[in-house]
């Protein structure tokens, strides 16, 4: 257990390093807590022995270790109140009644990404947990139709498609085929079922089978891919930890492209805000993921903010808490 002075020193080092990624020396700390440099050095040495601080090769100062960040988040962090400017930017999105909930979430996460220079992610309900209930089509004109996909959870998606020289009768036969053969299939498996169960026989029912198959295949693929939305991917390049390390940033970018990796963000069933620092997440040891689940009506998912370990934890947790409350109200 740390002493009160050690807690103060560790908190100051973490917060100073978050603002400016250079090792923090004893002189800087001693001025703040009204204590001699020698005393602070001794305390920093103790914190280092406990694995909460690390010494760099280039400086006599210290930086927080992964364990130091974890101790800070669990014991020392004080949530920052949102400033008026941040709140106003997000309120403009949440008060826009013309936006669907999914658009509100995406736009507000884009605002946060721009404010914080971090990457943000929204994950919808897992596709495997949504079963196809039915497909419907509504003609708009001779060439354009709206395809409506309904899941067993009450989730509804629609997409406008364009077909050339295809009769409405042929479209309806295709929809009937899909509804008869693959209703009850998990959304993320519909593409495979279309390929192996619909594609081989669709030519027996409709003339323009190739065009119709391709259109419906892409509709379902788009629906599945909409489950994950990443905003501010390039913000990682603006962080000193990554801007000069090409291999590191390549690795992070590749992970952000892997659907399975991002889906793992959603595995925790806890509805509270969760903080995964460095090796606690599956993206990168120099990255922190802060996430929370949301649920409103039939819509549920996870929102996450991804940044360096040197993240403004107190501000990010406050922003996610604000978002969650506004989504669910």
C-alpha atoms as a PDB file:
ATOM      1  CA  UNK A   1       0.000   0.000   0.000  1.00  0.00           C
ATOM      2  CA  UNK A   2       1.349   3.429  -0.932  1.00  0.00           C
ATOM      3  CA  UNK A   3       1.752   6.309   1.460  1.00  0.00           C
ATOM      4  CA  UNK A   4      -0.157   9.533   0.913  1.00  0.00           C
ATOM      5  CA  UNK A   5       2.983  11.210  -0.431  1.00  0.00           C
ATOM      6  CA  UNK A   6       3.703   8.342  -2.818  1.00  0.00           C
ATOM      7  CA  UNK A   7       0.130   8.537  -4.102  1.00  0.00           C
ATOM      8  CA  UNK A   8       0.562  12.271  -4.734  1.00  0.00           C
ATOM      9  CA  UNK A   9       3.874  11.756  -6.530  1.00  0.00           C
ATOM     10  CA  UNK A  10       2.568   8.922  -8.711  1.00  0.00           C
ATOM     11  CA  UNK A  11      -0.581  10.890  -9.612  1.00  0.00           C
ATOM     12  CA  UNK A  12       1.499  13.939 -10.573  1.00  0.00           C
ATOM     13  CA  UNK A  13       3.922  11.901 -12.689  1.00  0.00           C
ATOM     14  CA  UNK A  14       1.108  10.122 -14.546  1.00  0.00           C
ATOM     15  CA  UNK A  15      -0.807  13.333 -15.239  1.00  0.00           C
ATOM     16  CA  UNK A  16       2.299  15.302 -16.275  1.00  0.00           C
ATOM     17  CA  UNK A  17       3.447  12.509 -18.571  1.00  0.00           C
ATOM     18  CA  UNK A  18      -0.018  12.294 -20.148  1.00  0.00           C
ATOM     19  CA  UNK A  19       0.162  16.004 -21.024  1.00  0.00           C
ATOM     20  CA  UNK A  20       3.764  15.929 -22.214  1.00  0.00           C
ATOM     21  CA  UNK A  21       5.459  12.600 -23.034  1.00  0.00           C
ATOM     22  CA  UNK A  22       8.874  13.350 -21.529  1.00  0.00           C
ATOM     23  CA  UNK A  23      10.256  11.670 -18.384  1.00  0.00           C
ATOM     24  CA  UNK A  24       9.315  13.533 -15.203  1.00  0.00           C
ATOM     25  CA  UNK A  25      12.150  14.585 -12.878  1.00  0.00           C
ATOM     26  CA  UNK A  26      12.178  15.034  -9.095  1.00  0.00           C
ATOM     27  CA  UNK A  27      12.683  18.821  -9.330  1.00  0.00           C
ATOM     28  CA  UNK A  28       9.366  19.309 -11.135  1.00  0.00           C
ATOM     29  CA  UNK A  29       7.523  17.229  -8.535  1.00  0.00           C
ATOM     30  CA  UNK A  30       9.267  18.796  -5.514  1.00  0.00           C
ATOM     31  CA  UNK A  31       8.082  22.265  -6.527  1.00  0.00           C
ATOM     32  CA  UNK A  32       4.481  21.058  -6.706  1.00  0.00           C
ATOM     33  CA  UNK A  33       4.290  19.161  -3.404  1.00  0.00           C
ATOM     34  CA  UNK A  34       6.622  21.436  -1.445  1.00  0.00           C
ATOM     35  CA  UNK A  35       9.173  18.738  -0.695  1.00  0.00           C
ATOM     36  CA  UNK A  36      12.945  18.419  -1.302  1.00  0.00           C
ATOM     37  CA  UNK A  37      14.208  16.862  -4.530  1.00  0.00           C
ATOM     38  CA  UNK A  38      16.136  14.266  -2.515  1.00  0.00           C
ATOM     39  CA  UNK A  39      12.954  13.118  -0.733  1.00  0.00           C
ATOM     40  CA  UNK A  40      11.051  12.943  -4.015  1.00  0.00           C
ATOM     41  CA  UNK A  41      13.910  10.973  -5.611  1.00  0.00           C
ATOM     42  CA  UNK A  42      13.774   8.449  -2.783  1.00  0.00           C
ATOM     43  CA  UNK A  43      10.004   8.073  -3.135  1.00  0.00           C
ATOM     44  CA  UNK A  44      10.335   7.711  -6.910  1.00  0.00           C
ATOM     45  CA  UNK A  45      12.886   4.973  -6.300  1.00  0.00           C
ATOM     46  CA  UNK A  46      10.409   3.160  -4.067  1.00  0.00           C
ATOM     47  CA  UNK A  47       7.661   3.503  -6.682  1.00  0.00           C
ATOM     48  CA  UNK A  48      10.058   2.091  -9.263  1.00  0.00           C
ATOM     49  CA  UNK A  49      10.844  -0.892  -6.999  1.00  0.00           C
ATOM     50  CA  UNK A  50       7.121  -1.563  -6.759  1.00  0.00           C
ATOM     51  CA  UNK A  51       6.894  -1.596 -10.549  1.00  0.00           C
ATOM     52  CA  UNK A  52       4.750   1.550 -10.810  1.00  0.00           C
ATOM     53  CA  UNK A  53       7.408   3.752 -12.450  1.00  0.00           C
ATOM     54  CA  UNK A  54      10.098   3.064 -15.031  1.00  0.00           C
ATOM     55  CA  UNK A  55      13.411   4.766 -15.744  1.00  0.00           C
ATOM     56  CA  UNK A  56      14.305   5.550 -19.346  1.00  0.00           C
ATOM     57  CA  UNK A  57      17.799   5.272 -20.791  1.00  0.00           C
ATOM     58  CA  UNK A  58      17.829   8.855 -22.028  1.00  0.00           C
ATOM     59  CA  UNK A  59      16.819  10.699 -18.857  1.00  0.00           C
ATOM     60  CA  UNK A  60      17.079  10.570 -15.089  1.00  0.00           C
ATOM     61  CA  UNK A  61      13.327  11.176 -14.900  1.00  0.00           C
ATOM     62  CA  UNK A  62      10.654   8.494 -14.592  1.00  0.00           C
ATOM     63  CA  UNK A  63       7.641   7.469 -16.653  1.00  0.00           C
ATOM     64  CA  UNK A  64       4.583   5.466 -15.541  1.00  0.00           C
ATOM     65  CA  UNK A  65       4.708   1.714 -16.127  1.00  0.00           C
ATOM     66  CA  UNK A  66       1.653  -0.249 -17.235  1.00  0.00           C
ATOM     67  CA  UNK A  67       1.085  -1.177 -13.587  1.00  0.00           C
ATOM     68  CA  UNK A  68       1.438   2.497 -12.692  1.00  0.00           C
ATOM     69  CA  UNK A  69      -1.340   3.478 -15.088  1.00  0.00           C
ATOM     70  CA  UNK A  70      -3.514   0.689 -13.715  1.00  0.00           C
ATOM     71  CA  UNK A  71      -2.942   1.839 -10.128  1.00  0.00           C
ATOM     72  CA  UNK A  72      -3.714   5.413 -11.180  1.00  0.00           C
ATOM     73  CA  UNK A  73      -7.004   4.446 -12.878  1.00  0.00           C
ATOM     74  CA  UNK A  74      -8.126   2.230  -9.990  1.00  0.00           C
ATOM     75  CA  UNK A  75      -7.071   4.412  -7.062  1.00  0.00           C
ATOM     76  CA  UNK A  76      -6.029   7.962  -7.955  1.00  0.00           C
ATOM     77  CA  UNK A  77      -7.973   9.170 -10.993  1.00  0.00           C
ATOM     78  CA  UNK A  78     -10.546  11.917 -10.461  1.00  0.00           C
ATOM     79  CA  UNK A  79     -13.089  12.235 -13.259  1.00  0.00           C
ATOM     80  CA  UNK A  80     -12.853  15.484 -15.163  1.00  0.00           C
ATOM     81  CA  UNK A  81     -16.054  17.433 -15.636  1.00  0.00           C
ATOM     82  CA  UNK A  82     -16.769  18.103 -19.271  1.00  0.00           C
ATOM     83  CA  UNK A  83     -15.998  21.645 -20.301  1.00  0.00           C
ATOM     84  CA  UNK A  84     -18.705  23.753 -21.938  1.00  0.00           C
ATOM     85  CA  UNK A  85     -17.202  23.499 -25.434  1.00  0.00           C
ATOM     86  CA  UNK A  86     -17.045  19.684 -25.405  1.00  0.00           C
ATOM     87  CA  UNK A  87     -20.578  19.432 -24.026  1.00  0.00           C
ATOM     88  CA  UNK A  88     -21.969  21.842 -26.618  1.00  0.00           C
ATOM     89  CA  UNK A  89     -20.431  19.893 -29.514  1.00  0.00           C
ATOM     90  CA  UNK A  90     -21.968  16.637 -28.302  1.00  0.00           C
ATOM     91  CA  UNK A  91     -25.323  18.187 -27.389  1.00  0.00           C
ATOM     92  CA  UNK A  92     -25.681  19.462 -30.968  1.00  0.00           C
ATOM     93  CA  UNK A  93     -25.501  15.837 -32.147  1.00  0.00           C
ATOM     94  CA  UNK A  94     -27.750  14.336 -29.467  1.00  0.00           C
ATOM     95  CA  UNK A  95     -30.412  17.031 -29.923  1.00  0.00           C
ATOM     96  CA  UNK A  96     -30.656  16.502 -33.682  1.00  0.00           C
ATOM     97  CA  UNK A  97     -33.972  14.642 -33.835  1.00  0.00           C
ATOM     98  CA  UNK A  98     -33.601  13.967 -37.569  1.00  0.00           C
ATOM     99  CA  UNK A  99     -30.767  11.502 -36.920  1.00  0.00           C
ATOM    100  CA  UNK A 100     -31.275   7.782 -36.309  1.00  0.00           C
ATOM    101  CA  UNK A 101     -29.662   6.453 -33.125  1.00  0.00           C
ATOM    102  CA  UNK A 102     -26.891   4.725 -35.102  1.00  0.00           C
ATOM    103  CA  UNK A 103     -26.039   8.035 -36.802  1.00  0.00           C
ATOM    104  CA  UNK A 104     -26.099   9.888 -33.466  1.00  0.00           C
ATOM    105  CA  UNK A 105     -23.595   7.414 -32.024  1.00  0.00           C
ATOM    106  CA  UNK A 106     -21.321   7.526 -35.075  1.00  0.00           C
ATOM    107  CA  UNK A 107     -21.344  11.329 -35.301  1.00  0.00           C
ATOM    108  CA  UNK A 108     -20.756  11.843 -31.576  1.00  0.00           C
ATOM    109  CA  UNK A 109     -17.827   9.393 -31.653  1.00  0.00           C
ATOM    110  CA  UNK A 110     -16.406  11.321 -34.612  1.00  0.00           C
ATOM    111  CA  UNK A 111     -16.673  14.516 -32.545  1.00  0.00           C
ATOM    112  CA  UNK A 112     -14.847  12.815 -29.653  1.00  0.00           C
ATOM    113  CA  UNK A 113     -12.174  11.487 -32.015  1.00  0.00           C
ATOM    114  CA  UNK A 114     -11.549  15.017 -33.329  1.00  0.00           C
ATOM    115  CA  UNK A 115     -11.552  16.506 -29.817  1.00  0.00           C
ATOM    116  CA  UNK A 116      -9.191  13.961 -28.292  1.00  0.00           C
ATOM    117  CA  UNK A 117      -7.078  12.845 -31.267  1.00  0.00           C
ATOM    118  CA  UNK A 118      -7.948   9.227 -30.450  1.00  0.00           C
ATOM    119  CA  UNK A 119      -9.527   6.441 -32.511  1.00  0.00           C
ATOM    120  CA  UNK A 120     -13.153   5.633 -31.694  1.00  0.00           C
ATOM    121  CA  UNK A 121     -15.141   2.490 -32.438  1.00  0.00           C
ATOM    122  CA  UNK A 122     -18.797   1.516 -32.315  1.00  0.00           C
ATOM    123  CA  UNK A 123     -19.800  -2.138 -32.436  1.00  0.00           C
ATOM    124  CA  UNK A 124     -23.428  -3.063 -32.972  1.00  0.00           C
ATOM    125  CA  UNK A 125     -25.067  -6.211 -31.652  1.00  0.00           C
ATOM    126  CA  UNK A 126     -23.111  -9.263 -32.713  1.00  0.00           C
ATOM    127  CA  UNK A 127     -24.305 -10.459 -36.108  1.00  0.00           C
ATOM    128  CA  UNK A 128     -24.376 -14.050 -34.908  1.00  0.00           C
ATOM    129  CA  UNK A 129     -26.953 -13.135 -32.289  1.00  0.00           C
ATOM    130  CA  UNK A 130     -29.290 -11.604 -34.894  1.00  0.00           C
ATOM    131  CA  UNK A 131     -31.265 -14.114 -36.953  1.00  0.00           C
ATOM    132  CA  UNK A 132     -32.833 -13.248 -40.286  1.00  0.00           C
ATOM    133  CA  UNK A 133     -36.598 -12.975 -39.808  1.00  0.00           C
ATOM    134  CA  UNK A 134     -37.663 -11.772 -43.252  1.00  0.00           C
ATOM    135  CA  UNK A 135     -36.728  -9.803 -46.355  1.00  0.00           C
ATOM    136  CA  UNK A 136     -39.111  -7.416 -48.086  1.00  0.00           C
ATOM    137  CA  UNK A 137     -38.846  -5.165 -51.152  1.00  0.00           C
ATOM    138  CA  UNK A 138     -40.606  -1.903 -51.923  1.00  0.00           C
ATOM    139  CA  UNK A 139     -40.453  -0.648 -55.526  1.00  0.00           C
ATOM    140  CA  UNK A 140     -39.508   3.027 -55.959  1.00  0.00           C
ATOM    141  CA  UNK A 141     -39.582   3.189 -59.759  1.00  0.00           C
ATOM    142  CA  UNK A 142     -38.814   0.898 -62.720  1.00  0.00           C
ATOM    143  CA  UNK A 143     -35.163   0.397 -61.749  1.00  0.00           C
ATOM    144  CA  UNK A 144     -34.884   1.228 -58.035  1.00  0.00           C
ATOM    145  CA  UNK A 145     -36.157  -0.733 -55.048  1.00  0.00           C
ATOM    146  CA  UNK A 146     -35.711  -0.585 -51.308  1.00  0.00           C
ATOM    147  CA  UNK A 147     -34.691  -3.868 -49.682  1.00  0.00           C
ATOM    148  CA  UNK A 148     -35.758  -4.196 -46.033  1.00  0.00           C
ATOM    149  CA  UNK A 149     -34.059  -6.745 -43.765  1.00  0.00           C
ATOM    150  CA  UNK A 150     -35.708  -7.576 -40.435  1.00  0.00           C
ATOM    151  CA  UNK A 151     -34.054  -9.643 -37.682  1.00  0.00           C
ATOM    152  CA  UNK A 152     -35.619 -11.629 -34.856  1.00  0.00           C
ATOM    153  CA  UNK A 153     -34.422  -8.938 -32.385  1.00  0.00           C
ATOM    154  CA  UNK A 154     -36.509  -6.317 -34.166  1.00  0.00           C
ATOM    155  CA  UNK A 155     -33.498  -4.708 -35.868  1.00  0.00           C
ATOM    156  CA  UNK A 156     -34.444  -3.264 -39.267  1.00  0.00           C
ATOM    157  CA  UNK A 157     -32.038  -2.254 -42.038  1.00  0.00           C
ATOM    158  CA  UNK A 158     -32.921  -0.920 -45.462  1.00  0.00           C
ATOM    159  CA  UNK A 159     -30.890  -0.324 -48.608  1.00  0.00           C
ATOM    160  CA  UNK A 160     -31.835   1.042 -52.005  1.00  0.00           C
ATOM    161  CA  UNK A 161     -30.730  -1.107 -54.945  1.00  0.00           C
ATOM    162  CA  UNK A 162     -30.701  -0.556 -58.702  1.00  0.00           C
ATOM    163  CA  UNK A 163     -31.683  -3.307 -61.148  1.00  0.00           C
ATOM    164  CA  UNK A 164     -31.691  -3.111 -64.959  1.00  0.00           C
ATOM    165  CA  UNK A 165     -34.195  -5.009 -67.068  1.00  0.00           C
ATOM    166  CA  UNK A 166     -35.479  -7.051 -64.134  1.00  0.00           C
ATOM    167  CA  UNK A 167     -39.214  -7.387 -63.524  1.00  0.00           C
ATOM    168  CA  UNK A 168     -40.757  -6.923 -60.096  1.00  0.00           C
ATOM    169  CA  UNK A 169     -42.072 -10.476 -60.399  1.00  0.00           C
ATOM    170  CA  UNK A 170     -38.519 -11.851 -60.646  1.00  0.00           C
ATOM    171  CA  UNK A 171     -37.438  -9.759 -57.641  1.00  0.00           C
ATOM    172  CA  UNK A 172     -40.369 -11.085 -55.605  1.00  0.00           C
ATOM    173  CA  UNK A 173     -39.524 -14.684 -56.592  1.00  0.00           C
ATOM    174  CA  UNK A 174     -35.952 -14.129 -55.372  1.00  0.00           C
ATOM    175  CA  UNK A 175     -37.171 -12.655 -52.079  1.00  0.00           C
ATOM    176  CA  UNK A 176     -39.573 -15.587 -51.642  1.00  0.00           C
ATOM    177  CA  UNK A 177     -36.706 -18.013 -52.239  1.00  0.00           C
ATOM    178  CA  UNK A 178     -34.542 -16.279 -49.620  1.00  0.00           C
ATOM    179  CA  UNK A 179     -37.383 -16.172 -47.076  1.00  0.00           C
ATOM    180  CA  UNK A 180     -38.228 -19.836 -47.607  1.00  0.00           C
ATOM    181  CA  UNK A 181     -34.700 -21.193 -47.428  1.00  0.00           C
ATOM    182  CA  UNK A 182     -32.636 -19.024 -45.104  1.00  0.00           C
ATOM    183  CA  UNK A 183     -35.010 -17.418 -42.600  1.00  0.00           C
ATOM    184  CA  UNK A 184     -33.688 -18.134 -39.087  1.00  0.00           C
ATOM    185  CA  UNK A 185     -30.040 -17.983 -40.195  1.00  0.00           C
ATOM    186  CA  UNK A 186     -27.604 -15.808 -38.183  1.00  0.00           C
ATOM    187  CA  UNK A 187     -26.980 -12.609 -40.158  1.00  0.00           C
ATOM    188  CA  UNK A 188     -23.229 -13.247 -40.392  1.00  0.00           C
ATOM    189  CA  UNK A 189     -23.903 -16.637 -42.041  1.00  0.00           C
ATOM    190  CA  UNK A 190     -26.450 -15.429 -44.618  1.00  0.00           C
ATOM    191  CA  UNK A 191     -23.751 -14.692 -47.239  1.00  0.00           C
ATOM    192  CA  UNK A 192     -22.476 -18.277 -47.023  1.00  0.00           C
ATOM    193  CA  UNK A 193     -26.009 -19.695 -47.254  1.00  0.00           C
ATOM    194  CA  UNK A 194     -26.773 -17.498 -50.266  1.00  0.00           C
ATOM    195  CA  UNK A 195     -23.651 -18.834 -51.978  1.00  0.00           C
ATOM    196  CA  UNK A 196     -24.216 -22.514 -51.251  1.00  0.00           C
ATOM    197  CA  UNK A 197     -28.021 -22.824 -51.113  1.00  0.00           C
ATOM    198  CA  UNK A 198     -29.482 -20.019 -53.235  1.00  0.00           C
ATOM    199  CA  UNK A 199     -26.872 -19.535 -55.972  1.00  0.00           C
ATOM    200  CA  UNK A 200     -27.007 -23.136 -57.312  1.00  0.00           C
ATOM    201  CA  UNK A 201     -30.810 -23.097 -57.750  1.00  0.00           C
ATOM    202  CA  UNK A 202     -31.799 -19.463 -58.376  1.00  0.00           C
ATOM    203  CA  UNK A 203     -31.435 -19.966 -62.152  1.00  0.00           C
ATOM    204  CA  UNK A 204     -34.345 -22.420 -62.019  1.00  0.00           C
ATOM    205  CA  UNK A 205     -36.682 -19.652 -60.850  1.00  0.00           C
ATOM    206  CA  UNK A 206     -35.595 -16.363 -62.455  1.00  0.00           C
ATOM    207  CA  UNK A 207     -33.999 -15.316 -65.758  1.00  0.00           C
ATOM    208  CA  UNK A 208     -31.784 -12.500 -64.448  1.00  0.00           C
ATOM    209  CA  UNK A 209     -30.454 -14.755 -61.701  1.00  0.00           C
ATOM    210  CA  UNK A 210     -26.851 -13.529 -61.779  1.00  0.00           C
ATOM    211  CA  UNK A 211     -27.773  -9.872 -61.327  1.00  0.00           C
ATOM    212  CA  UNK A 212     -30.324 -10.643 -58.613  1.00  0.00           C
ATOM    213  CA  UNK A 213     -27.979 -12.951 -56.701  1.00  0.00           C
ATOM    214  CA  UNK A 214     -25.151 -10.382 -56.736  1.00  0.00           C
ATOM    215  CA  UNK A 215     -27.394  -7.546 -55.556  1.00  0.00           C
ATOM    216  CA  UNK A 216     -28.834  -9.459 -52.600  1.00  0.00           C
ATOM    217  CA  UNK A 217     -25.429 -10.899 -51.698  1.00  0.00           C
ATOM    218  CA  UNK A 218     -23.999  -7.344 -51.457  1.00  0.00           C
ATOM    219  CA  UNK A 219     -26.999  -6.123 -49.454  1.00  0.00           C
ATOM    220  CA  UNK A 220     -26.381  -8.758 -46.780  1.00  0.00           C
ATOM    221  CA  UNK A 221     -22.612  -8.239 -46.862  1.00  0.00           C
ATOM    222  CA  UNK A 222     -23.093  -4.499 -46.290  1.00  0.00           C
ATOM    223  CA  UNK A 223     -25.518  -5.193 -43.450  1.00  0.00           C
ATOM    224  CA  UNK A 224     -23.008  -7.479 -41.704  1.00  0.00           C
ATOM    225  CA  UNK A 225     -20.106  -5.059 -42.232  1.00  0.00           C
ATOM    226  CA  UNK A 226     -22.066  -2.171 -40.713  1.00  0.00           C
ATOM    227  CA  UNK A 227     -21.710  -3.853 -37.331  1.00  0.00           C
ATOM    228  CA  UNK A 228     -18.294  -2.204 -36.809  1.00  0.00           C
ATOM    229  CA  UNK A 229     -17.479   1.431 -37.486  1.00  0.00           C
ATOM    230  CA  UNK A 230     -14.012   2.880 -36.827  1.00  0.00           C
ATOM    231  CA  UNK A 231     -13.546   6.656 -36.699  1.00  0.00           C
ATOM    232  CA  UNK A 232     -10.276   8.571 -36.600  1.00  0.00           C
ATOM    233  CA  UNK A 233      -8.063   5.622 -37.540  1.00  0.00           C
ATOM    234  CA  UNK A 234      -5.262   8.011 -38.586  1.00  0.00           C
ATOM    235  CA  UNK A 235      -5.336   9.811 -35.226  1.00  0.00           C
ATOM    236  CA  UNK A 236      -2.836   7.216 -34.015  1.00  0.00           C
ATOM    237  CA  UNK A 237      -0.265   8.790 -36.343  1.00  0.00           C
ATOM    238  CA  UNK A 238      -0.507  12.017 -34.351  1.00  0.00           C
ATOM    239  CA  UNK A 239       0.626  10.305 -31.134  1.00  0.00           C
ATOM    240  CA  UNK A 240       4.399  10.537 -30.451  1.00  0.00           C
ATOM    241  CA  UNK A 241       4.479   6.861 -29.441  1.00  0.00           C
ATOM    242  CA  UNK A 242       3.515   5.821 -32.955  1.00  0.00           C
ATOM    243  CA  UNK A 243       4.489   8.658 -35.317  1.00  0.00           C
ATOM    244  CA  UNK A 244       8.119   7.493 -35.669  1.00  0.00           C
ATOM    245  CA  UNK A 245       7.589   3.748 -35.324  1.00  0.00           C
ATOM    246  CA  UNK A 246       6.433   2.465 -38.709  1.00  0.00           C
ATOM    247  CA  UNK A 247       6.166  -1.196 -37.675  1.00  0.00           C
ATOM    248  CA  UNK A 248       4.180  -0.330 -34.556  1.00  0.00           C
ATOM    249  CA  UNK A 249       1.627   1.776 -36.442  1.00  0.00           C
ATOM    250  CA  UNK A 250       1.334  -0.901 -39.164  1.00  0.00           C
ATOM    251  CA  UNK A 251       0.528  -3.472 -36.499  1.00  0.00           C
ATOM    252  CA  UNK A 252      -2.135  -1.248 -34.900  1.00  0.00           C
ATOM    253  CA  UNK A 253      -3.697  -0.413 -38.286  1.00  0.00           C
ATOM    254  CA  UNK A 254      -3.810  -4.111 -39.199  1.00  0.00           C
ATOM    255  CA  UNK A 255      -5.533  -4.928 -35.905  1.00  0.00           C
ATOM    256  CA  UNK A 256      -8.107  -2.178 -36.514  1.00  0.00           C
ATOM    257  CA  UNK A 257      -8.857  -3.856 -39.861  1.00  0.00           C
ATOM    258  CA  UNK A 258      -9.440  -7.274 -38.274  1.00  0.00           C
ATOM    259  CA  UNK A 259     -13.102  -7.743 -37.483  1.00  0.00           C
ATOM    260  CA  UNK A 260     -12.396 -10.578 -35.046  1.00  0.00           C
ATOM    261  CA  UNK A 261      -9.992  -8.426 -33.014  1.00  0.00           C
ATOM    262  CA  UNK A 262     -12.508  -5.594 -32.711  1.00  0.00           C
ATOM    263  CA  UNK A 263     -15.329  -7.981 -31.908  1.00  0.00           C
ATOM    264  CA  UNK A 264     -13.319  -9.148 -28.900  1.00  0.00           C
ATOM    265  CA  UNK A 265     -13.709  -5.647 -27.464  1.00  0.00           C
ATOM    266  CA  UNK A 266     -17.352  -6.570 -26.946  1.00  0.00           C
ATOM    267  CA  UNK A 267     -16.807  -9.787 -25.006  1.00  0.00           C
ATOM    268  CA  UNK A 268     -17.189  -8.278 -21.530  1.00  0.00           C
ATOM    269  CA  UNK A 269     -20.796  -8.500 -20.303  1.00  0.00           C
ATOM    270  CA  UNK A 270     -20.306  -5.786 -17.695  1.00  0.00           C
ATOM    271  CA  UNK A 271     -22.271  -2.613 -18.446  1.00  0.00           C
ATOM    272  CA  UNK A 272     -19.831  -0.373 -16.593  1.00  0.00           C
ATOM    273  CA  UNK A 273     -17.035   1.589 -18.257  1.00  0.00           C
ATOM    274  CA  UNK A 274     -14.028  -0.719 -18.580  1.00  0.00           C
ATOM    275  CA  UNK A 275     -10.386   0.301 -19.061  1.00  0.00           C
ATOM    276  CA  UNK A 276      -7.950  -2.137 -20.731  1.00  0.00           C
ATOM    277  CA  UNK A 277      -4.361  -0.888 -20.522  1.00  0.00           C
ATOM    278  CA  UNK A 278      -1.512  -2.201 -22.685  1.00  0.00           C
ATOM    279  CA  UNK A 279      -1.280  -5.990 -22.454  1.00  0.00           C
ATOM    280  CA  UNK A 280      -4.808  -6.145 -21.017  1.00  0.00           C
ATOM    281  CA  UNK A 281      -6.185  -5.565 -24.543  1.00  0.00           C
ATOM    282  CA  UNK A 282      -5.607  -7.527 -27.739  1.00  0.00           C
ATOM    283  CA  UNK A 283      -4.655  -4.613 -29.991  1.00  0.00           C
ATOM    284  CA  UNK A 284      -1.202  -3.491 -28.860  1.00  0.00           C
ATOM    285  CA  UNK A 285       0.866  -3.298 -25.671  1.00  0.00           C
ATOM    286  CA  UNK A 286       1.238   0.489 -26.116  1.00  0.00           C
ATOM    287  CA  UNK A 287      -2.505   1.059 -26.521  1.00  0.00           C
ATOM    288  CA  UNK A 288      -5.378   1.557 -24.076  1.00  0.00           C
ATOM    289  CA  UNK A 289      -8.998   0.656 -24.863  1.00  0.00           C
ATOM    290  CA  UNK A 290     -11.757   2.297 -22.823  1.00  0.00           C
ATOM    291  CA  UNK A 291     -15.222   0.949 -23.553  1.00  0.00           C
ATOM    292  CA  UNK A 292     -18.784   0.658 -22.363  1.00  0.00           C
ATOM    293  CA  UNK A 293     -21.929  -1.107 -23.519  1.00  0.00           C
ATOM    294  CA  UNK A 294     -25.176   0.658 -24.396  1.00  0.00           C
ATOM    295  CA  UNK A 295     -28.769  -0.524 -24.823  1.00  0.00           C
ATOM    296  CA  UNK A 296     -31.820   1.385 -25.969  1.00  0.00           C
ATOM    297  CA  UNK A 297     -34.912  -0.491 -27.050  1.00  0.00           C
ATOM    298  CA  UNK A 298     -33.844  -3.188 -29.502  1.00  0.00           C
ATOM    299  CA  UNK A 299     -30.515  -1.511 -30.252  1.00  0.00           C
ATOM    300  CA  UNK A 300     -27.446  -2.435 -28.285  1.00  0.00           C
ATOM    301  CA  UNK A 301     -23.714  -2.453 -28.755  1.00  0.00           C
ATOM    302  CA  UNK A 302     -20.391  -1.195 -27.496  1.00  0.00           C
ATOM    303  CA  UNK A 303     -18.623   2.143 -27.856  1.00  0.00           C
ATOM    304  CA  UNK A 304     -14.874   2.318 -27.362  1.00  0.00           C
ATOM    305  CA  UNK A 305     -12.085   4.874 -27.434  1.00  0.00           C
ATOM    306  CA  UNK A 306      -8.607   3.673 -28.402  1.00  0.00           C
ATOM    307  CA  UNK A 307      -5.482   5.684 -27.724  1.00  0.00           C
ATOM    308  CA  UNK A 308      -1.963   5.429 -26.327  1.00  0.00           C
ATOM    309  CA  UNK A 309      -1.359   4.173 -22.781  1.00  0.00           C
ATOM    310  CA  UNK A 310      -0.586   7.827 -22.113  1.00  0.00           C
ATOM    311  CA  UNK A 311      -4.282   8.588 -22.490  1.00  0.00           C
ATOM    312  CA  UNK A 312      -6.317  11.259 -20.743  1.00  0.00           C
ATOM    313  CA  UNK A 313      -8.154   8.640 -18.695  1.00  0.00           C
ATOM    314  CA  UNK A 314     -10.070  11.105 -16.521  1.00  0.00           C
ATOM    315  CA  UNK A 315     -11.456  12.967 -19.534  1.00  0.00           C
ATOM    316  CA  UNK A 316     -12.198   9.926 -21.707  1.00  0.00           C
ATOM    317  CA  UNK A 317     -14.096   8.087 -18.963  1.00  0.00           C
ATOM    318  CA  UNK A 318     -16.189  11.231 -18.414  1.00  0.00           C
ATOM    319  CA  UNK A 319     -16.959  11.526 -22.138  1.00  0.00           C
ATOM    320  CA  UNK A 320     -18.005   7.867 -22.424  1.00  0.00           C
ATOM    321  CA  UNK A 321     -20.192   8.199 -19.338  1.00  0.00           C
ATOM    322  CA  UNK A 322     -21.885  11.260 -20.864  1.00  0.00           C
ATOM    323  CA  UNK A 323     -22.432   9.425 -24.164  1.00  0.00           C
ATOM    324  CA  UNK A 324     -23.855   6.316 -22.518  1.00  0.00           C
ATOM    325  CA  UNK A 325     -26.339   8.335 -20.440  1.00  0.00           C
ATOM    326  CA  UNK A 326     -27.509  10.329 -23.469  1.00  0.00           C
ATOM    327  CA  UNK A 327     -27.894   7.219 -25.651  1.00  0.00           C
ATOM    328  CA  UNK A 328     -29.949   5.358 -23.054  1.00  0.00           C
ATOM    329  CA  UNK A 329     -32.154   8.166 -21.745  1.00  0.00           C
END
